[in-house]
Amino acid sequence: MIGITVNPLSYRFDSGSLNLVSILSDGTYAMKKVLIQNKEQLELVREEIRVSSLFSHPNLLPLLDHAIIPVKGGQEGAGKHEAFLLFPVHLDGTLLDNSTAMKAKKETFSTTDVLQIFRQLCDGLKHMHSLEPPYAHNDVKPGNVLLTRRKGQTPLAILMDFGSARPARKQIRSRQEALQLQVLCPSLIHTTELLHFLLIMDFTFRAPELWDCPSHADIDERTDIWSLGCTLYAIMYGVSPFEYVLEESDGSLQLAIVNAKIKWPKAGPKASYPEALHQFVTWMLQPQAAVRPRIDDIIIHVDKLIAKFTK
């Protein structure tokens, strides 16, 4: 705890979102509010707070303070609660926000900015993957990358949202364990519309082994490498490399991902990016996790690309 006093009743929040709130007279911060309906959700929030406290890196969003408050009528430990999580504010929004705005203006990131933004995400993930035990973020995507514009410099990129972060290495030895790995925490899904939204927004960045996990498998932090490759594609083109499937009436998102069927844009800014970046994405999107590169390999390669293509 950092000693900042927050009175939640003084502010308006939207559940599950990051909102700007003024705290005392010494700055502006972002507050995430989570409405907790049951004991399982309470444990998930407590786990997010615990996991967030493990990380300390300039490219990972720090949790500054938090509070979990029982809601009137709820029972301590089991009933309804509200959780408030306090973070530094980044006024320029997420990579997803920026990509959407740039796409509307037919703008793209330069090759230099693409590589430098990506390099910062690698640094943040390396910190997580280097812990003992290693942690996987498990939800790397443009919506979880904050950008801060800096005049004359590459935007500062910060990875956020550690609600899905867990120890990366798991031994799957039964069909039941495999199915548990594939489930998207059903207690948090209340409607089919929400499930559809989550499938579109999250699963297009999800590694093949999390779609169709064998009954005997060793899972590790390279699930993040797959999502990192999808995110590099998205930094360039504003979408997941598999989002095209959602526009096909007979398309299967799961099959496209499991078989790594990447579709490159036929028009637009493709010519402005070196082929080496496309090959880099393809290298990360290996369907078999055992042959996928690790974060140290990725950093060595991106540094070579930066040296080659940065003016």
C-alpha atoms as a PDB file:
ATOM      1  CA  MET A   1       0.000   0.000   0.000  1.00  0.00           C
ATOM      2  CA  ILE A   2       1.305   3.462  -0.818  1.00  0.00           C
ATOM      3  CA  GLY A   3      -0.692   5.486   1.665  1.00  0.00           C
ATOM      4  CA  ILE A   4      -3.025   7.212  -0.806  1.00  0.00           C
ATOM      5  CA  THR A   5      -6.496   7.583   0.642  1.00  0.00           C
ATOM      6  CA  VAL A   6      -9.276   6.950  -1.862  1.00  0.00           C
ATOM      7  CA  ASN A   7     -12.952   7.419  -1.166  1.00  0.00           C
ATOM      8  CA  PRO A   8     -14.682   5.411  -3.922  1.00  0.00           C
ATOM      9  CA  LEU A   9     -17.988   7.171  -3.277  1.00  0.00           C
ATOM     10  CA  SER A  10     -16.479  10.444  -4.473  1.00  0.00           C
ATOM     11  CA  TYR A  11     -16.060   9.241  -8.042  1.00  0.00           C
ATOM     12  CA  ARG A  12     -18.010   7.603 -10.863  1.00  0.00           C
ATOM     13  CA  PHE A  13     -16.654   4.357 -12.297  1.00  0.00           C
ATOM     14  CA  ASP A  14     -17.531   1.855 -15.022  1.00  0.00           C
ATOM     15  CA  SER A  15     -17.152  -1.753 -13.913  1.00  0.00           C
ATOM     16  CA  GLY A  16     -14.065  -3.455 -15.248  1.00  0.00           C
ATOM     17  CA  SER A  17     -12.683  -0.391 -17.041  1.00  0.00           C
ATOM     18  CA  LEU A  18      -9.856   2.023 -16.422  1.00  0.00           C
ATOM     19  CA  ASN A  19     -11.054   5.530 -15.593  1.00  0.00           C
ATOM     20  CA  LEU A  20      -9.328   8.776 -14.756  1.00  0.00           C
ATOM     21  CA  VAL A  21      -9.745  10.015 -11.203  1.00  0.00           C
ATOM     22  CA  SER A  22      -8.113  12.909  -9.414  1.00  0.00           C
ATOM     23  CA  ILE A  23      -6.486  11.853  -6.153  1.00  0.00           C
ATOM     24  CA  LEU A  24      -5.793  14.641  -3.674  1.00  0.00           C
ATOM     25  CA  SER A  25      -3.643  17.376  -5.281  1.00  0.00           C
ATOM     26  CA  ASP A  26      -0.604  15.420  -6.393  1.00  0.00           C
ATOM     27  CA  GLY A  27      -1.658  13.871  -9.692  1.00  0.00           C
ATOM     28  CA  THR A  28      -4.118  11.971 -11.836  1.00  0.00           C
ATOM     29  CA  TYR A  29      -4.379   8.192 -11.731  1.00  0.00           C
ATOM     30  CA  ALA A  30      -6.390   5.407 -13.351  1.00  0.00           C
ATOM     31  CA  MET A  31      -8.826   3.425 -11.232  1.00  0.00           C
ATOM     32  CA  LYS A  32     -10.129  -0.001 -12.203  1.00  0.00           C
ATOM     33  CA  LYS A  33     -13.341  -1.040 -10.513  1.00  0.00           C
ATOM     34  CA  VAL A  34     -14.453  -4.678 -10.438  1.00  0.00           C
ATOM     35  CA  LEU A  35     -17.858  -5.802  -9.171  1.00  0.00           C
ATOM     36  CA  ILE A  36     -17.401  -9.164  -7.444  1.00  0.00           C
ATOM     37  CA  GLN A  37     -20.470 -11.411  -7.367  1.00  0.00           C
ATOM     38  CA  ASN A  38     -19.178 -14.568  -5.686  1.00  0.00           C
ATOM     39  CA  LYS A  39     -16.318 -16.196  -3.813  1.00  0.00           C
ATOM     40  CA  GLU A  40     -14.619 -17.492  -6.966  1.00  0.00           C
ATOM     41  CA  GLN A  41     -14.480 -14.020  -8.480  1.00  0.00           C
ATOM     42  CA  LEU A  42     -13.171 -12.663  -5.177  1.00  0.00           C
ATOM     43  CA  GLU A  43     -10.312 -15.159  -5.254  1.00  0.00           C
ATOM     44  CA  LEU A  44      -9.528 -14.236  -8.870  1.00  0.00           C
ATOM     45  CA  VAL A  45      -9.221 -10.549  -7.988  1.00  0.00           C
ATOM     46  CA  ARG A  46      -7.050 -11.349  -4.969  1.00  0.00           C
ATOM     47  CA  GLU A  47      -4.852 -13.458  -7.243  1.00  0.00           C
ATOM     48  CA  GLU A  48      -4.549 -10.588  -9.752  1.00  0.00           C
ATOM     49  CA  ILE A  49      -3.422  -8.312  -6.925  1.00  0.00           C
ATOM     50  CA  ARG A  50      -0.916 -10.886  -5.676  1.00  0.00           C
ATOM     51  CA  VAL A  51       0.511 -11.540  -9.133  1.00  0.00           C
ATOM     52  CA  SER A  52       0.750  -7.836  -9.979  1.00  0.00           C
ATOM     53  CA  SER A  53       2.907  -7.296  -6.894  1.00  0.00           C
ATOM     54  CA  LEU A  54       5.508  -9.718  -8.273  1.00  0.00           C
ATOM     55  CA  PHE A  55       6.498  -7.501 -11.185  1.00  0.00           C
ATOM     56  CA  SER A  56       8.674  -4.399 -11.227  1.00  0.00           C
ATOM     57  CA  HIS A  57       9.655  -3.234 -14.701  1.00  0.00           C
ATOM     58  CA  PRO A  58       9.239   0.028 -16.685  1.00  0.00           C
ATOM     59  CA  ASN A  59       7.313  -1.795 -19.436  1.00  0.00           C
ATOM     60  CA  LEU A  60       4.843  -3.452 -17.043  1.00  0.00           C
ATOM     61  CA  LEU A  61       2.022  -1.410 -15.502  1.00  0.00           C
ATOM     62  CA  PRO A  62       2.495  -1.257 -11.723  1.00  0.00           C
ATOM     63  CA  LEU A  63      -0.366  -1.636  -9.261  1.00  0.00           C
ATOM     64  CA  LEU A  64       0.015   1.355  -6.936  1.00  0.00           C
ATOM     65  CA  ASP A  65      -2.687   0.532  -4.420  1.00  0.00           C
ATOM     66  CA  HIS A  66      -5.859  -1.471  -4.028  1.00  0.00           C
ATOM     67  CA  ALA A  67      -8.928  -1.955  -1.847  1.00  0.00           C
ATOM     68  CA  ILE A  68     -11.610  -4.667  -1.689  1.00  0.00           C
ATOM     69  CA  ILE A  69     -14.776  -3.400  -0.061  1.00  0.00           C
ATOM     70  CA  PRO A  70     -17.839  -5.505   0.966  1.00  0.00           C
ATOM     71  CA  VAL A  71     -21.051  -4.300  -0.629  1.00  0.00           C
ATOM     72  CA  LYS A  72     -24.003  -3.698   1.665  1.00  0.00           C
ATOM     73  CA  GLY A  73     -25.905  -6.944   2.056  1.00  0.00           C
ATOM     74  CA  GLY A  74     -22.939  -9.145   1.179  1.00  0.00           C
ATOM     75  CA  GLN A  75     -21.111 -11.464   3.551  1.00  0.00           C
ATOM     76  CA  GLU A  76     -17.397 -11.122   4.214  1.00  0.00           C
ATOM     77  CA  GLY A  77     -15.410 -13.658   2.174  1.00  0.00           C
ATOM     78  CA  ALA A  78     -18.349 -14.878   0.119  1.00  0.00           C
ATOM     79  CA  GLY A  79     -20.835 -12.133  -0.829  1.00  0.00           C
ATOM     80  CA  LYS A  80     -20.687  -9.158  -3.143  1.00  0.00           C
ATOM     81  CA  HIS A  81     -17.650  -6.905  -3.054  1.00  0.00           C
ATOM     82  CA  GLU A  82     -16.201  -4.061  -5.066  1.00  0.00           C
ATOM     83  CA  ALA A  83     -12.479  -4.041  -5.828  1.00  0.00           C
ATOM     84  CA  PHE A  84     -10.637  -0.818  -6.637  1.00  0.00           C
ATOM     85  CA  LEU A  85      -7.191  -1.029  -8.229  1.00  0.00           C
ATOM     86  CA  LEU A  86      -5.084   2.116  -8.636  1.00  0.00           C
ATOM     87  CA  PHE A  87      -2.612   2.542 -11.513  1.00  0.00           C
ATOM     88  CA  PRO A  88      -0.524   5.300 -13.120  1.00  0.00           C
ATOM     89  CA  VAL A  89      -2.431   7.029 -15.896  1.00  0.00           C
ATOM     90  CA  HIS A  90      -1.444   6.906 -19.570  1.00  0.00           C
ATOM     91  CA  LEU A  91      -3.543   9.439 -21.433  1.00  0.00           C
ATOM     92  CA  ASP A  92      -2.879   8.254 -24.988  1.00  0.00           C
ATOM     93  CA  GLY A  93      -4.817   5.016 -24.608  1.00  0.00           C
ATOM     94  CA  THR A  94      -4.019   1.502 -25.735  1.00  0.00           C
ATOM     95  CA  LEU A  95      -2.290   0.212 -28.834  1.00  0.00           C
ATOM     96  CA  LEU A  96      -5.749  -0.899 -29.982  1.00  0.00           C
ATOM     97  CA  ASP A  97      -7.111   2.648 -29.550  1.00  0.00           C
ATOM     98  CA  ASN A  98      -4.170   4.128 -31.440  1.00  0.00           C
ATOM     99  CA  SER A  99      -4.319   1.559 -34.237  1.00  0.00           C
ATOM    100  CA  THR A 100      -8.050   2.149 -34.717  1.00  0.00           C
ATOM    101  CA  ALA A 101      -7.560   5.916 -34.914  1.00  0.00           C
ATOM    102  CA  MET A 102      -4.609   5.593 -37.284  1.00  0.00           C
ATOM    103  CA  LYS A 103      -6.460   3.146 -39.525  1.00  0.00           C
ATOM    104  CA  ALA A 104      -9.319   5.632 -39.878  1.00  0.00           C
ATOM    105  CA  LYS A 105      -6.778   8.196 -41.061  1.00  0.00           C
ATOM    106  CA  LYS A 106      -5.008   5.629 -43.292  1.00  0.00           C
ATOM    107  CA  GLU A 107      -1.874   6.045 -41.208  1.00  0.00           C
ATOM    108  CA  THR A 108       0.550   3.360 -40.034  1.00  0.00           C
ATOM    109  CA  PHE A 109       3.489   3.126 -37.664  1.00  0.00           C
ATOM    110  CA  SER A 110       6.899   3.472 -39.256  1.00  0.00           C
ATOM    111  CA  THR A 111       9.110   0.389 -39.380  1.00  0.00           C
ATOM    112  CA  THR A 112      11.269   1.964 -36.671  1.00  0.00           C
ATOM    113  CA  ASP A 113       8.285   2.547 -34.368  1.00  0.00           C
ATOM    114  CA  VAL A 114       6.931  -0.963 -35.037  1.00  0.00           C
ATOM    115  CA  LEU A 115      10.219  -2.522 -33.977  1.00  0.00           C
ATOM    116  CA  GLN A 116      10.777  -0.232 -30.977  1.00  0.00           C
ATOM    117  CA  ILE A 117       7.241  -0.694 -29.614  1.00  0.00           C
ATOM    118  CA  PHE A 118       7.630  -4.435 -30.040  1.00  0.00           C
ATOM    119  CA  ARG A 119      11.057  -4.377 -28.363  1.00  0.00           C
ATOM    120  CA  GLN A 120       9.571  -2.756 -25.255  1.00  0.00           C
ATOM    121  CA  LEU A 121       6.909  -5.462 -25.016  1.00  0.00           C
ATOM    122  CA  CYS A 122       9.676  -8.053 -25.240  1.00  0.00           C
ATOM    123  CA  ASP A 123      11.458  -6.390 -22.319  1.00  0.00           C
ATOM    124  CA  GLY A 124       8.346  -6.534 -20.159  1.00  0.00           C
ATOM    125  CA  LEU A 125       7.687 -10.174 -21.008  1.00  0.00           C
ATOM    126  CA  LYS A 126      11.322 -11.115 -20.412  1.00  0.00           C
ATOM    127  CA  HIS A 127      10.941  -9.821 -16.851  1.00  0.00           C
ATOM    128  CA  MET A 128       7.902 -12.063 -16.333  1.00  0.00           C
ATOM    129  CA  HIS A 129       9.463 -15.078 -18.033  1.00  0.00           C
ATOM    130  CA  SER A 130      12.668 -14.693 -15.998  1.00  0.00           C
ATOM    131  CA  LEU A 131      10.988 -15.028 -12.609  1.00  0.00           C
ATOM    132  CA  GLU A 132      11.290 -18.232 -10.609  1.00  0.00           C
ATOM    133  CA  PRO A 133       8.929 -19.810 -11.445  1.00  0.00           C
ATOM    134  CA  PRO A 134       8.409 -18.117 -14.829  1.00  0.00           C
ATOM    135  CA  TYR A 135       5.087 -16.336 -15.276  1.00  0.00           C
ATOM    136  CA  ALA A 136       3.121 -16.110 -18.506  1.00  0.00           C
ATOM    137  CA  HIS A 137       0.938 -13.073 -19.139  1.00  0.00           C
ATOM    138  CA  ASN A 138      -1.599 -15.225 -21.053  1.00  0.00           C
ATOM    139  CA  ASP A 139      -3.406 -12.228 -22.569  1.00  0.00           C
ATOM    140  CA  VAL A 140      -0.913 -10.305 -24.700  1.00  0.00           C
ATOM    141  CA  LYS A 141      -2.894  -8.248 -27.233  1.00  0.00           C
ATOM    142  CA  PRO A 142      -3.160  -4.619 -28.433  1.00  0.00           C
ATOM    143  CA  GLY A 143      -5.929  -3.857 -25.929  1.00  0.00           C
ATOM    144  CA  ASN A 144      -3.527  -4.667 -23.100  1.00  0.00           C
ATOM    145  CA  VAL A 145      -0.714  -2.429 -24.324  1.00  0.00           C
ATOM    146  CA  LEU A 146      -0.728   1.199 -23.171  1.00  0.00           C
ATOM    147  CA  LEU A 147       1.023   3.770 -25.347  1.00  0.00           C
ATOM    148  CA  THR A 148       2.337   7.179 -24.335  1.00  0.00           C
ATOM    149  CA  ARG A 149       3.243   9.463 -27.225  1.00  0.00           C
ATOM    150  CA  ARG A 150       6.590  11.245 -26.899  1.00  0.00           C
ATOM    151  CA  LYS A 151       7.577  14.085 -29.216  1.00  0.00           C
ATOM    152  CA  GLY A 152      10.386  13.025 -31.499  1.00  0.00           C
ATOM    153  CA  GLN A 153      10.571   9.548 -29.938  1.00  0.00           C
ATOM    154  CA  THR A 154       8.984   6.144 -30.276  1.00  0.00           C
ATOM    155  CA  PRO A 155       5.858   5.832 -28.077  1.00  0.00           C
ATOM    156  CA  LEU A 156       6.405   4.307 -24.646  1.00  0.00           C
ATOM    157  CA  ALA A 157       4.757   0.867 -24.553  1.00  0.00           C
ATOM    158  CA  ILE A 158       3.555  -0.702 -21.300  1.00  0.00           C
ATOM    159  CA  LEU A 159       1.941  -4.109 -20.921  1.00  0.00           C
ATOM    160  CA  MET A 160      -1.001  -4.169 -18.509  1.00  0.00           C
ATOM    161  CA  ASP A 161      -3.751  -6.401 -17.086  1.00  0.00           C
ATOM    162  CA  PHE A 162      -2.331  -9.341 -15.157  1.00  0.00           C
ATOM    163  CA  GLY A 163      -5.678 -10.932 -14.379  1.00  0.00           C
ATOM    164  CA  SER A 164      -4.774 -13.970 -16.488  1.00  0.00           C
ATOM    165  CA  ALA A 165      -1.076 -14.141 -15.518  1.00  0.00           C
ATOM    166  CA  ARG A 166      -0.089 -17.437 -13.900  1.00  0.00           C
ATOM    167  CA  PRO A 167       2.994 -19.640 -13.474  1.00  0.00           C
ATOM    168  CA  ALA A 168       3.817 -20.512 -17.070  1.00  0.00           C
ATOM    169  CA  ARG A 169       4.861 -24.141 -16.849  1.00  0.00           C
ATOM    170  CA  LYS A 170       2.156 -26.771 -16.543  1.00  0.00           C
ATOM    171  CA  GLN A 171       2.254 -30.516 -17.038  1.00  0.00           C
ATOM    172  CA  ILE A 172      -0.961 -31.740 -18.633  1.00  0.00           C
ATOM    173  CA  ARG A 173      -1.470 -35.428 -17.995  1.00  0.00           C
ATOM    174  CA  SER A 174      -5.194 -36.003 -18.479  1.00  0.00           C
ATOM    175  CA  ARG A 175      -8.089 -34.924 -20.669  1.00  0.00           C
ATOM    176  CA  GLN A 176      -9.659 -33.169 -17.703  1.00  0.00           C
ATOM    177  CA  GLU A 177      -6.528 -31.071 -17.151  1.00  0.00           C
ATOM    178  CA  ALA A 178      -6.423 -30.253 -20.872  1.00  0.00           C
ATOM    179  CA  LEU A 179     -10.037 -29.078 -20.852  1.00  0.00           C
ATOM    180  CA  GLN A 180      -9.441 -26.951 -17.748  1.00  0.00           C
ATOM    181  CA  LEU A 181      -6.610 -25.168 -19.568  1.00  0.00           C
ATOM    182  CA  GLN A 182      -8.903 -24.371 -22.488  1.00  0.00           C
ATOM    183  CA  VAL A 183     -11.767 -22.966 -20.411  1.00  0.00           C
ATOM    184  CA  LEU A 184     -12.161 -19.182 -20.257  1.00  0.00           C
ATOM    185  CA  CYS A 185     -13.196 -18.910 -16.611  1.00  0.00           C
ATOM    186  CA  PRO A 186     -16.949 -19.512 -17.195  1.00  0.00           C
ATOM    187  CA  SER A 187     -17.919 -17.898 -13.875  1.00  0.00           C
ATOM    188  CA  LEU A 188     -17.111 -14.513 -15.416  1.00  0.00           C
ATOM    189  CA  ILE A 189     -19.393 -15.041 -18.435  1.00  0.00           C
ATOM    190  CA  HIS A 190     -23.023 -14.125 -17.884  1.00  0.00           C
ATOM    191  CA  THR A 191     -24.399 -13.874 -21.439  1.00  0.00           C
ATOM    192  CA  THR A 192     -23.818 -15.437 -24.843  1.00  0.00           C
ATOM    193  CA  GLU A 193     -23.251 -11.926 -26.202  1.00  0.00           C
ATOM    194  CA  LEU A 194     -20.375 -11.409 -23.751  1.00  0.00           C
ATOM    195  CA  LEU A 195     -18.920 -14.781 -24.677  1.00  0.00           C
ATOM    196  CA  HIS A 196     -19.066 -13.854 -28.384  1.00  0.00           C
ATOM    197  CA  PHE A 197     -17.354 -10.533 -27.641  1.00  0.00           C
ATOM    198  CA  LEU A 198     -14.590 -12.269 -25.692  1.00  0.00           C
ATOM    199  CA  LEU A 199     -14.087 -14.830 -28.455  1.00  0.00           C
ATOM    200  CA  ILE A 200     -13.582 -12.085 -31.025  1.00  0.00           C
ATOM    201  CA  MET A 201     -11.491  -9.709 -28.946  1.00  0.00           C
ATOM    202  CA  ASP A 202      -9.287 -12.183 -27.074  1.00  0.00           C
ATOM    203  CA  PHE A 203      -9.133 -15.541 -28.790  1.00  0.00           C
ATOM    204  CA  THR A 204      -7.716 -14.263 -32.089  1.00  0.00           C
ATOM    205  CA  PHE A 205      -4.451 -13.780 -30.143  1.00  0.00           C
ATOM    206  CA  ARG A 206      -4.619 -17.113 -28.277  1.00  0.00           C
ATOM    207  CA  ALA A 207      -1.978 -19.815 -28.832  1.00  0.00           C
ATOM    208  CA  PRO A 208      -3.003 -23.102 -30.532  1.00  0.00           C
ATOM    209  CA  GLU A 209      -2.227 -25.188 -27.443  1.00  0.00           C
ATOM    210  CA  LEU A 210      -4.843 -23.177 -25.533  1.00  0.00           C
ATOM    211  CA  TRP A 211      -7.440 -23.966 -28.200  1.00  0.00           C
ATOM    212  CA  ASP A 212      -6.812 -27.681 -28.527  1.00  0.00           C
ATOM    213  CA  CYS A 213      -4.581 -28.952 -25.753  1.00  0.00           C
ATOM    214  CA  PRO A 214      -3.446 -32.608 -25.928  1.00  0.00           C
ATOM    215  CA  SER A 215      -4.082 -34.847 -22.925  1.00  0.00           C
ATOM    216  CA  HIS A 216      -0.312 -35.207 -22.483  1.00  0.00           C
ATOM    217  CA  ALA A 217       1.572 -31.943 -22.973  1.00  0.00           C
ATOM    218  CA  ASP A 218       4.074 -29.627 -21.337  1.00  0.00           C
ATOM    219  CA  ILE A 219       2.872 -26.013 -21.504  1.00  0.00           C
ATOM    220  CA  ASP A 220       5.292 -23.144 -20.922  1.00  0.00           C
ATOM    221  CA  GLU A 221       5.772 -19.404 -21.415  1.00  0.00           C
ATOM    222  CA  ARG A 222       5.897 -19.773 -25.193  1.00  0.00           C
ATOM    223  CA  THR A 223       2.124 -19.335 -25.197  1.00  0.00           C
ATOM    224  CA  ASP A 224       3.046 -15.635 -24.839  1.00  0.00           C
ATOM    225  CA  ILE A 225       5.393 -15.821 -27.841  1.00  0.00           C
ATOM    226  CA  TRP A 226       2.480 -16.783 -30.073  1.00  0.00           C
ATOM    227  CA  SER A 227       0.429 -13.834 -28.783  1.00  0.00           C
ATOM    228  CA  LEU A 228       3.481 -11.599 -29.170  1.00  0.00           C
ATOM    229  CA  GLY A 229       3.731 -12.595 -32.850  1.00  0.00           C
ATOM    230  CA  CYS A 230       0.042 -11.804 -33.336  1.00  0.00           C
ATOM    231  CA  THR A 231       0.602  -8.456 -31.622  1.00  0.00           C
ATOM    232  CA  LEU A 232       3.537  -7.587 -33.891  1.00  0.00           C
ATOM    233  CA  TYR A 233       1.259  -8.232 -36.870  1.00  0.00           C
ATOM    234  CA  ALA A 234      -1.357  -5.998 -35.220  1.00  0.00           C
ATOM    235  CA  ILE A 235       1.149  -3.169 -34.662  1.00  0.00           C
ATOM    236  CA  MET A 236       1.709  -3.180 -38.420  1.00  0.00           C
ATOM    237  CA  TYR A 237      -1.823  -3.782 -39.690  1.00  0.00           C
ATOM    238  CA  GLY A 238      -4.176  -2.959 -36.827  1.00  0.00           C
ATOM    239  CA  VAL A 239      -5.755  -6.432 -36.605  1.00  0.00           C
ATOM    240  CA  SER A 240      -4.915  -9.981 -35.595  1.00  0.00           C
ATOM    241  CA  PRO A 241      -3.428 -12.153 -38.376  1.00  0.00           C
ATOM    242  CA  PHE A 242      -6.474 -14.424 -37.998  1.00  0.00           C
ATOM    243  CA  GLU A 243      -9.234 -11.842 -37.790  1.00  0.00           C
ATOM    244  CA  TYR A 244     -10.042 -12.338 -41.476  1.00  0.00           C
ATOM    245  CA  VAL A 245     -11.717 -15.645 -40.548  1.00  0.00           C
ATOM    246  CA  LEU A 246     -14.472 -13.784 -38.703  1.00  0.00           C
ATOM    247  CA  GLU A 247     -15.607 -12.290 -42.029  1.00  0.00           C
ATOM    248  CA  GLU A 248     -15.870 -15.686 -43.747  1.00  0.00           C
ATOM    249  CA  SER A 249     -19.236 -17.419 -43.421  1.00  0.00           C
ATOM    250  CA  ASP A 250     -17.648 -20.874 -43.465  1.00  0.00           C
ATOM    251  CA  GLY A 251     -14.410 -19.945 -41.724  1.00  0.00           C
ATOM    252  CA  SER A 252     -13.158 -21.594 -38.530  1.00  0.00           C
ATOM    253  CA  LEU A 253     -11.081 -19.390 -36.243  1.00  0.00           C
ATOM    254  CA  GLN A 254      -9.817 -22.413 -34.338  1.00  0.00           C
ATOM    255  CA  LEU A 255      -8.631 -24.188 -37.506  1.00  0.00           C
ATOM    256  CA  ALA A 256      -6.937 -21.053 -38.825  1.00  0.00           C
ATOM    257  CA  ILE A 257      -5.015 -20.654 -35.567  1.00  0.00           C
ATOM    258  CA  VAL A 258      -4.176 -24.320 -35.024  1.00  0.00           C
ATOM    259  CA  ASN A 259      -2.821 -24.496 -38.596  1.00  0.00           C
ATOM    260  CA  ALA A 260      -1.234 -21.007 -38.462  1.00  0.00           C
ATOM    261  CA  LYS A 261      -3.022 -19.856 -41.623  1.00  0.00           C
ATOM    262  CA  ILE A 262      -1.807 -16.270 -41.704  1.00  0.00           C
ATOM    263  CA  LYS A 263      -3.293 -13.949 -44.321  1.00  0.00           C
ATOM    264  CA  TRP A 264      -1.177 -10.947 -45.277  1.00  0.00           C
ATOM    265  CA  PRO A 265      -2.859  -7.770 -46.567  1.00  0.00           C
ATOM    266  CA  LYS A 266      -3.048  -7.676 -50.369  1.00  0.00           C
ATOM    267  CA  ALA A 267      -3.318  -3.900 -50.412  1.00  0.00           C
ATOM    268  CA  GLY A 268      -2.386  -0.972 -48.222  1.00  0.00           C
ATOM    269  CA  PRO A 269       0.871  -0.450 -46.369  1.00  0.00           C
ATOM    270  CA  LYS A 270       2.337  -3.937 -46.926  1.00  0.00           C
ATOM    271  CA  ALA A 271       5.054  -2.652 -49.233  1.00  0.00           C
ATOM    272  CA  SER A 272       6.210  -0.193 -46.564  1.00  0.00           C
ATOM    273  CA  TYR A 273       7.283  -3.001 -44.215  1.00  0.00           C
ATOM    274  CA  PRO A 274      10.313  -5.159 -44.960  1.00  0.00           C
ATOM    275  CA  GLU A 275       9.686  -8.819 -45.748  1.00  0.00           C
ATOM    276  CA  ALA A 276      11.957  -9.605 -42.803  1.00  0.00           C
ATOM    277  CA  LEU A 277       9.158  -8.442 -40.454  1.00  0.00           C
ATOM    278  CA  HIS A 278       6.717 -10.869 -42.071  1.00  0.00           C
ATOM    279  CA  GLN A 279       9.243 -13.672 -41.660  1.00  0.00           C
ATOM    280  CA  PHE A 280       9.712 -12.628 -38.030  1.00  0.00           C
ATOM    281  CA  VAL A 281       5.971 -12.941 -37.371  1.00  0.00           C
ATOM    282  CA  THR A 282       5.859 -16.328 -39.088  1.00  0.00           C
ATOM    283  CA  TRP A 283       8.784 -17.532 -36.948  1.00  0.00           C
ATOM    284  CA  MET A 284       6.859 -16.731 -33.764  1.00  0.00           C
ATOM    285  CA  LEU A 285       3.618 -18.279 -35.029  1.00  0.00           C
ATOM    286  CA  GLN A 286       4.801 -21.877 -34.966  1.00  0.00           C
ATOM    287  CA  PRO A 287       1.792 -24.106 -34.202  1.00  0.00           C
ATOM    288  CA  GLN A 288       3.990 -26.528 -32.256  1.00  0.00           C
ATOM    289  CA  ALA A 289       5.035 -24.760 -29.064  1.00  0.00           C
ATOM    290  CA  ALA A 290       8.116 -26.977 -28.678  1.00  0.00           C
ATOM    291  CA  VAL A 291       9.744 -25.401 -31.758  1.00  0.00           C
ATOM    292  CA  ARG A 292       8.572 -21.862 -31.047  1.00  0.00           C
ATOM    293  CA  PRO A 293      11.372 -19.438 -30.045  1.00  0.00           C
ATOM    294  CA  ARG A 294      11.742 -18.187 -26.476  1.00  0.00           C
ATOM    295  CA  ILE A 295      11.817 -14.545 -25.428  1.00  0.00           C
ATOM    296  CA  ASP A 296      15.639 -14.358 -25.400  1.00  0.00           C
ATOM    297  CA  ASP A 297      15.700 -15.584 -29.012  1.00  0.00           C
ATOM    298  CA  ILE A 298      13.089 -12.984 -29.947  1.00  0.00           C
ATOM    299  CA  ILE A 299      15.078 -10.154 -28.359  1.00  0.00           C
ATOM    300  CA  ILE A 300      18.283 -11.163 -30.171  1.00  0.00           C
ATOM    301  CA  HIS A 301      16.414 -11.177 -33.487  1.00  0.00           C
ATOM    302  CA  VAL A 302      14.518  -7.920 -32.996  1.00  0.00           C
ATOM    303  CA  ASP A 303      17.755  -6.155 -32.032  1.00  0.00           C
ATOM    304  CA  LYS A 304      19.247  -7.296 -35.340  1.00  0.00           C
ATOM    305  CA  LEU A 305      16.220  -5.940 -37.191  1.00  0.00           C
ATOM    306  CA  ILE A 306      16.430  -2.639 -35.311  1.00  0.00           C
ATOM    307  CA  ALA A 307      20.110  -2.313 -36.249  1.00  0.00           C
ATOM    308  CA  LYS A 308      19.298  -3.083 -39.870  1.00  0.00           C
ATOM    309  CA  PHE A 309      16.191  -0.978 -40.428  1.00  0.00           C
ATOM    310  CA  THR A 310      16.365   1.914 -37.956  1.00  0.00           C
ATOM    311  CA  LYS A 311      17.546   5.107 -39.586  1.00  0.00           C
END
